[in-house]
Protein backbone atom coordinates (compact mmCIF):
# COMPACT_ATOMS: atom_id res chain seq x y z
CA MET A 1 43.81 -20.19 35.26
CA ALA A 2 40.91 -21.68 33.28
CA THR A 3 39.59 -19.87 30.26
CA ARG A 4 36.00 -19.76 29.22
CA PRO A 5 34.96 -20.91 25.78
CA ALA A 6 33.86 -18.12 23.44
CA PRO A 7 30.09 -17.69 23.28
CA ALA A 8 28.50 -19.30 20.24
CA LYS A 9 27.47 -16.80 17.59
CA LYS A 10 23.87 -16.93 16.45
CA ALA A 11 23.01 -16.85 12.78
CA PRO A 12 21.61 -13.46 11.74
CA ALA A 13 17.84 -13.35 11.55
CA LYS A 14 16.35 -13.24 8.07
CA THR A 15 14.79 -9.92 7.18
CA ALA A 16 11.56 -9.33 5.32
CA ALA A 17 13.54 -7.98 2.36
CA ALA A 18 15.28 -11.33 1.93
CA LYS A 19 11.94 -13.16 1.57
CA PRO A 20 10.14 -13.47 -1.75
CA PHE A 21 7.58 -10.74 -2.45
CA ALA A 22 4.47 -12.90 -2.05
CA ALA A 23 5.66 -14.50 1.19
CA ALA A 24 6.45 -11.11 2.71
CA ALA A 25 3.05 -9.78 1.68
CA ARG A 26 1.27 -12.68 3.40
CA GLN A 27 3.12 -12.03 6.64
CA SER A 28 2.40 -8.29 6.79
CA LYS A 29 -0.99 -8.75 8.48
CA PRO A 30 -1.32 -7.34 12.00
CA ALA A 31 -1.34 -10.05 14.67
CA SER A 32 -4.41 -8.88 16.58
CA PRO A 33 -7.17 -6.26 16.65
CA ALA A 34 -5.08 -4.36 19.20
CA ALA A 35 -2.26 -4.16 16.66
CA LYS A 36 -4.75 -2.77 14.12
CA ALA A 37 -5.86 -0.08 16.55
CA ALA A 38 -2.24 0.92 17.18
CA GLY A 39 -1.80 1.47 13.44
CA ALA A 40 -0.77 -0.89 10.70
CA PRO A 41 2.75 -0.55 9.33
CA VAL A 42 3.00 1.71 6.29
CA VAL A 43 4.57 0.30 3.14
CA THR A 44 5.73 2.83 0.54
CA LEU A 45 5.74 2.37 -3.21
CA LYS A 46 9.54 2.39 -3.08
CA THR A 47 9.46 -0.72 -0.87
CA VAL A 48 7.00 -2.42 -3.21
CA PHE A 49 9.18 -1.57 -6.21
CA GLU A 50 12.28 -2.98 -4.54
CA ARG A 51 10.52 -6.23 -3.61
CA LEU A 52 9.24 -6.63 -7.16
CA ALA A 53 12.76 -6.01 -8.48
CA GLU A 54 14.14 -8.75 -6.23
CA ALA A 55 11.34 -11.17 -7.12
CA HIS A 56 11.91 -10.69 -10.87
CA ALA A 57 15.69 -10.28 -10.84
CA LEU A 58 15.54 -6.74 -12.20
CA PRO A 59 17.84 -3.89 -11.30
CA LYS A 60 16.18 -1.56 -8.78
CA LYS A 61 16.51 1.43 -11.10
CA GLN A 62 14.68 -0.38 -13.89
CA ALA A 63 11.89 -1.50 -11.53
CA HIS A 64 11.52 2.06 -10.20
CA ALA A 65 11.31 3.43 -13.75
CA LEU A 66 8.72 0.85 -14.85
CA LEU A 67 6.47 1.29 -11.86
CA ALA A 68 6.81 5.07 -11.78
CA ASP A 69 5.56 5.02 -15.38
CA PHE A 70 2.71 2.75 -14.23
CA VAL A 71 1.70 5.35 -11.63
CA VAL A 72 1.80 8.08 -14.29
CA ALA A 73 -0.38 5.97 -16.61
CA VAL A 74 -2.94 5.36 -13.84
CA ARG A 75 -3.03 9.08 -13.04
CA THR A 76 -3.47 9.95 -16.74
CA HIS A 77 -6.42 7.56 -17.14
CA LEU A 78 -8.09 8.81 -13.97
CA LYS A 79 -7.68 12.45 -15.06
CA ALA A 80 -9.41 11.54 -18.33
CA GLY A 81 -12.32 10.15 -16.28
CA THR A 82 -11.97 6.53 -17.36
CA ARG A 83 -12.55 3.58 -15.09
CA LEU A 84 -9.43 1.51 -14.41
CA ARG A 85 -9.99 -2.20 -13.78
CA MET A 86 -7.04 -4.13 -12.32
CA SER A 87 -7.60 -7.89 -12.21
CA GLY A 88 -7.25 -9.32 -8.73
CA LEU A 89 -7.12 -5.86 -7.15
CA GLY A 90 -10.23 -3.86 -8.00
CA ILE A 91 -11.60 -0.86 -9.87
CA LEU A 92 -10.41 2.74 -9.58
CA GLU A 93 -12.75 5.46 -10.81
CA VAL A 94 -13.28 9.19 -10.41
CA LYS A 95 -16.51 10.16 -8.69
CA SER A 96 -18.02 13.63 -8.68
CA ARG A 97 -19.34 14.95 -5.38
CA GLU A 98 -21.98 17.66 -5.43
CA ALA A 99 -21.73 20.85 -3.40
CA ARG A 100 -23.48 20.42 -0.05
CA MET A 101 -24.06 21.95 3.33
CA GLY A 102 -22.03 20.72 6.31
CA ARG A 103 -21.25 21.64 9.90
CA ASN A 104 -18.04 22.65 11.58
CA PRO A 105 -17.78 20.04 14.38
CA ALA A 106 -15.93 22.44 16.70
CA THR A 107 -18.36 25.35 16.50
CA GLY A 108 -21.51 23.82 15.02
CA ALA A 109 -21.59 26.55 12.36
CA VAL A 110 -23.17 25.67 9.02
CA ILE A 111 -20.69 25.80 6.13
CA GLN A 112 -20.86 25.33 2.37
CA ILE A 113 -18.75 22.42 1.08
CA LYS A 114 -17.79 22.93 -2.57
CA ALA A 115 -18.18 20.32 -5.31
CA SER A 116 -15.16 18.07 -5.86
CA ARG A 117 -13.89 14.98 -7.63
CA LYS A 118 -12.67 11.99 -5.61
CA VAL A 119 -11.00 8.72 -6.53
CA GLY A 120 -13.14 5.76 -5.56
CA PHE A 121 -11.87 2.21 -5.14
CA ARG A 122 -13.99 -0.92 -5.32
CA PRO A 123 -12.04 -4.03 -4.27
CA SER A 124 -12.35 -7.17 -6.36
CA LYS A 125 -13.83 -10.39 -5.00
CA GLU A 126 -10.34 -11.95 -4.94
CA LEU A 127 -9.02 -9.13 -2.77
CA LYS A 128 -11.99 -9.32 -0.40
CA ASP A 129 -11.58 -13.08 -0.04
CA ALA A 130 -7.84 -12.71 0.62
CA LEU A 131 -8.51 -10.45 3.61
C-alpha cells in the first residue's frame, strides 16, 4: 500500500504586533470608502503603549507607566486651561461653549442646553498631509 507524503506546513503569517510601530501605523488605513463606512478598527492606548515598548526595547510595564503619566500630564494641563501643542500631531485646547437653546429631535420640543467646556483638537499640517 502506497503512503501519501505529509502535507507541507506553511510558515505562520506575521502579525501586526511583530512589525515595527511606524510600519504598522502606515498599514492601518481602511482599504476603501466602504470599509470606512463599516467602521474603522479601534486601537486602544494599551496597544499603542505595547508597540512603542517593542519599538524602543522597553519593558511593557515601563512603557505603560511612562505613557500613563503622559496622559495624566495632558489632562492636568487641559484642566488648567492651557493650550497643548504637540509637534507633528496638533493642538489640544479647552473651549467654552455658551448655554443655548436646542431641540429634541424625537419630539421637536425646545430645550435649554447648559454651558460646558469641551476639548478641541486642531490637527497639524504634517498630520493633515499624512492623511
